[in-house]
């Protein structure tokens, strides 16, 4: 739980947030299994399945957000990288043109 709370402080990193919540959900799921097996009347524990199902839905939203942010970052990096390369080529060409015009 502490790790989940720590990753909620800015700057938010969706991938880290999703990973921490996934770990927490798995821990809660294991605790639910132990609780269900330890109880005398496991049929009265249907609320656990409902809660875990809702947690999975929320995790899917976090996964989708993490993937969206990651793909946006990759596009931005790719765009930046290609723009930087393009600019470097233009700069070198301009430099060569200046040198040849002065010679």
C-alpha atoms as a PDB file:
ATOM      1  CA  UNK A   1       0.000   0.000   0.000  1.00  0.00           C
ATOM      2  CA  UNK A   2       2.853   2.392   0.813  1.00  0.00           C
ATOM      3  CA  UNK A   3       4.340   1.923  -2.656  1.00  0.00           C
ATOM      4  CA  UNK A   4       0.977   2.728  -4.253  1.00  0.00           C
ATOM      5  CA  UNK A   5       0.652   5.894  -2.196  1.00  0.00           C
ATOM      6  CA  UNK A   6       4.224   6.964  -3.052  1.00  0.00           C
ATOM      7  CA  UNK A   7       3.646   6.599  -6.776  1.00  0.00           C
ATOM      8  CA  UNK A   8       0.583   8.858  -6.550  1.00  0.00           C
ATOM      9  CA  UNK A   9       2.794  11.896  -5.881  1.00  0.00           C
ATOM     10  CA  UNK A  10       3.651  14.036  -8.886  1.00  0.00           C
ATOM     11  CA  UNK A  11       5.028  13.541 -11.399  1.00  0.00           C
ATOM     12  CA  UNK A  12       2.671  10.672 -12.120  1.00  0.00           C
ATOM     13  CA  UNK A  13       4.082   7.800 -14.124  1.00  0.00           C
ATOM     14  CA  UNK A  14       1.200   5.687 -15.460  1.00  0.00           C
ATOM     15  CA  UNK A  15       3.401   2.628 -16.062  1.00  0.00           C
ATOM     16  CA  UNK A  16       4.671   2.668 -12.463  1.00  0.00           C
ATOM     17  CA  UNK A  17       1.179   3.360 -11.147  1.00  0.00           C
ATOM     18  CA  UNK A  18      -0.213   0.394 -13.065  1.00  0.00           C
ATOM     19  CA  UNK A  19       2.578  -1.874 -11.821  1.00  0.00           C
ATOM     20  CA  UNK A  20       2.071  -0.894  -8.187  1.00  0.00           C
ATOM     21  CA  UNK A  21      -1.704  -1.323  -8.374  1.00  0.00           C
ATOM     22  CA  UNK A  22      -1.270  -4.694 -10.097  1.00  0.00           C
ATOM     23  CA  UNK A  23       0.962  -5.860  -7.251  1.00  0.00           C
ATOM     24  CA  UNK A  24      -1.553  -4.627  -4.697  1.00  0.00           C
ATOM     25  CA  UNK A  25      -4.417  -6.344  -6.521  1.00  0.00           C
ATOM     26  CA  UNK A  26      -2.506  -9.624  -6.594  1.00  0.00           C
ATOM     27  CA  UNK A  27      -1.807  -9.359  -2.866  1.00  0.00           C
ATOM     28  CA  UNK A  28      -5.456  -8.645  -2.113  1.00  0.00           C
ATOM     29  CA  UNK A  29      -6.465 -11.548  -4.376  1.00  0.00           C
ATOM     30  CA  UNK A  30      -4.210 -13.935  -2.475  1.00  0.00           C
ATOM     31  CA  UNK A  31      -5.574 -12.663   0.826  1.00  0.00           C
ATOM     32  CA  UNK A  32      -9.090 -13.225  -0.498  1.00  0.00           C
ATOM     33  CA  UNK A  33      -8.265 -16.822  -1.432  1.00  0.00           C
ATOM     34  CA  UNK A  34      -6.880 -17.519   2.028  1.00  0.00           C
ATOM     35  CA  UNK A  35      -9.910 -15.890   3.632  1.00  0.00           C
ATOM     36  CA  UNK A  36     -12.335 -17.825   1.445  1.00  0.00           C
ATOM     37  CA  UNK A  37     -10.659 -21.149   2.279  1.00  0.00           C
ATOM     38  CA  UNK A  38     -10.537 -20.344   5.988  1.00  0.00           C
ATOM     39  CA  UNK A  39     -14.225 -19.430   6.249  1.00  0.00           C
ATOM     40  CA  UNK A  40     -16.815 -22.018   7.156  1.00  0.00           C
ATOM     41  CA  UNK A  41     -19.414 -20.645   4.726  1.00  0.00           C
ATOM     42  CA  UNK A  42     -17.575 -19.703   1.531  1.00  0.00           C
ATOM     43  CA  UNK A  43     -20.845 -18.986  -0.275  1.00  0.00           C
ATOM     44  CA  UNK A  44     -21.257 -15.815   1.786  1.00  0.00           C
ATOM     45  CA  UNK A  45     -18.003 -14.523   0.277  1.00  0.00           C
ATOM     46  CA  UNK A  46     -19.415 -13.685  -3.161  1.00  0.00           C
ATOM     47  CA  UNK A  47     -18.724 -10.011  -2.516  1.00  0.00           C
ATOM     48  CA  UNK A  48     -15.010 -10.833  -2.730  1.00  0.00           C
ATOM     49  CA  UNK A  49     -15.377 -11.968  -6.343  1.00  0.00           C
ATOM     50  CA  UNK A  50     -17.369  -8.843  -7.167  1.00  0.00           C
ATOM     51  CA  UNK A  51     -14.734  -6.604  -5.578  1.00  0.00           C
ATOM     52  CA  UNK A  52     -11.869  -8.378  -7.340  1.00  0.00           C
ATOM     53  CA  UNK A  53     -13.712  -8.107 -10.639  1.00  0.00           C
ATOM     54  CA  UNK A  54     -14.131  -4.356 -10.187  1.00  0.00           C
ATOM     55  CA  UNK A  55     -10.466  -4.040  -9.269  1.00  0.00           C
ATOM     56  CA  UNK A  56      -9.571  -5.809 -12.514  1.00  0.00           C
ATOM     57  CA  UNK A  57     -11.706  -3.334 -14.476  1.00  0.00           C
ATOM     58  CA  UNK A  58      -9.857  -0.432 -12.854  1.00  0.00           C
ATOM     59  CA  UNK A  59      -6.521  -2.098 -13.563  1.00  0.00           C
ATOM     60  CA  UNK A  60      -7.449  -2.427 -17.219  1.00  0.00           C
ATOM     61  CA  UNK A  61      -8.110   1.313 -17.339  1.00  0.00           C
ATOM     62  CA  UNK A  62      -4.683   1.946 -15.789  1.00  0.00           C
ATOM     63  CA  UNK A  63      -3.058  -0.432 -18.290  1.00  0.00           C
ATOM     64  CA  UNK A  64      -4.728   1.346 -21.195  1.00  0.00           C
ATOM     65  CA  UNK A  65      -3.589   4.735 -19.854  1.00  0.00           C
ATOM     66  CA  UNK A  66      -0.029   3.482 -19.394  1.00  0.00           C
ATOM     67  CA  UNK A  67       0.052   2.113 -22.938  1.00  0.00           C
ATOM     68  CA  UNK A  68      -1.385   5.352 -24.339  1.00  0.00           C
ATOM     69  CA  UNK A  69       1.191   7.479 -22.524  1.00  0.00           C
ATOM     70  CA  UNK A  70       4.008   5.160 -23.550  1.00  0.00           C
ATOM     71  CA  UNK A  71       3.002   5.229 -27.211  1.00  0.00           C
ATOM     72  CA  UNK A  72       2.697   9.037 -27.102  1.00  0.00           C
ATOM     73  CA  UNK A  73       6.154   9.295 -25.560  1.00  0.00           C
ATOM     74  CA  UNK A  74       7.564   6.992 -28.224  1.00  0.00           C
ATOM     75  CA  UNK A  75       5.977   9.063 -31.015  1.00  0.00           C
ATOM     76  CA  UNK A  76       7.309  12.267 -29.444  1.00  0.00           C
ATOM     77  CA  UNK A  77      10.777  10.747 -29.065  1.00  0.00           C
ATOM     78  CA  UNK A  78      10.696   9.439 -32.597  1.00  0.00           C
ATOM     79  CA  UNK A  79       9.575  12.816 -33.906  1.00  0.00           C
ATOM     80  CA  UNK A  80      12.200  14.621 -31.827  1.00  0.00           C
ATOM     81  CA  UNK A  81      14.894  12.195 -32.905  1.00  0.00           C
ATOM     82  CA  UNK A  82      14.075  12.485 -36.591  1.00  0.00           C
ATOM     83  CA  UNK A  83      13.732  16.287 -36.329  1.00  0.00           C
ATOM     84  CA  UNK A  84      17.092  16.468 -34.560  1.00  0.00           C
ATOM     85  CA  UNK A  85      18.716  14.302 -37.231  1.00  0.00           C
ATOM     86  CA  UNK A  86      17.112  16.326 -39.989  1.00  0.00           C
ATOM     87  CA  UNK A  87      18.257  19.578 -38.388  1.00  0.00           C
ATOM     88  CA  UNK A  88      21.784  18.238 -37.961  1.00  0.00           C
ATOM     89  CA  UNK A  89      21.908  17.361 -41.686  1.00  0.00           C
ATOM     90  CA  UNK A  90      20.605  20.814 -42.621  1.00  0.00           C
ATOM     91  CA  UNK A  91      23.183  22.461 -40.350  1.00  0.00           C
ATOM     92  CA  UNK A  92      26.025  20.426 -41.894  1.00  0.00           C
ATOM     93  CA  UNK A  93      24.817  21.209 -45.420  1.00  0.00           C
ATOM     94  CA  UNK A  94      24.645  24.929 -44.622  1.00  0.00           C
ATOM     95  CA  UNK A  95      28.142  24.796 -43.175  1.00  0.00           C
ATOM     96  CA  UNK A  96      29.478  23.073 -46.290  1.00  0.00           C
ATOM     97  CA  UNK A  97      27.711  25.614 -48.510  1.00  0.00           C
ATOM     98  CA  UNK A  98      29.305  28.476 -46.550  1.00  0.00           C
ATOM     99  CA  UNK A  99      32.746  26.920 -46.804  1.00  0.00           C
ATOM    100  CA  UNK A 100      32.467  26.332 -50.538  1.00  0.00           C
ATOM    101  CA  UNK A 101      31.117  29.813 -51.210  1.00  0.00           C
ATOM    102  CA  UNK A 102      34.012  31.422 -49.301  1.00  0.00           C
ATOM    103  CA  UNK A 103      36.646  29.342 -51.051  1.00  0.00           C
END
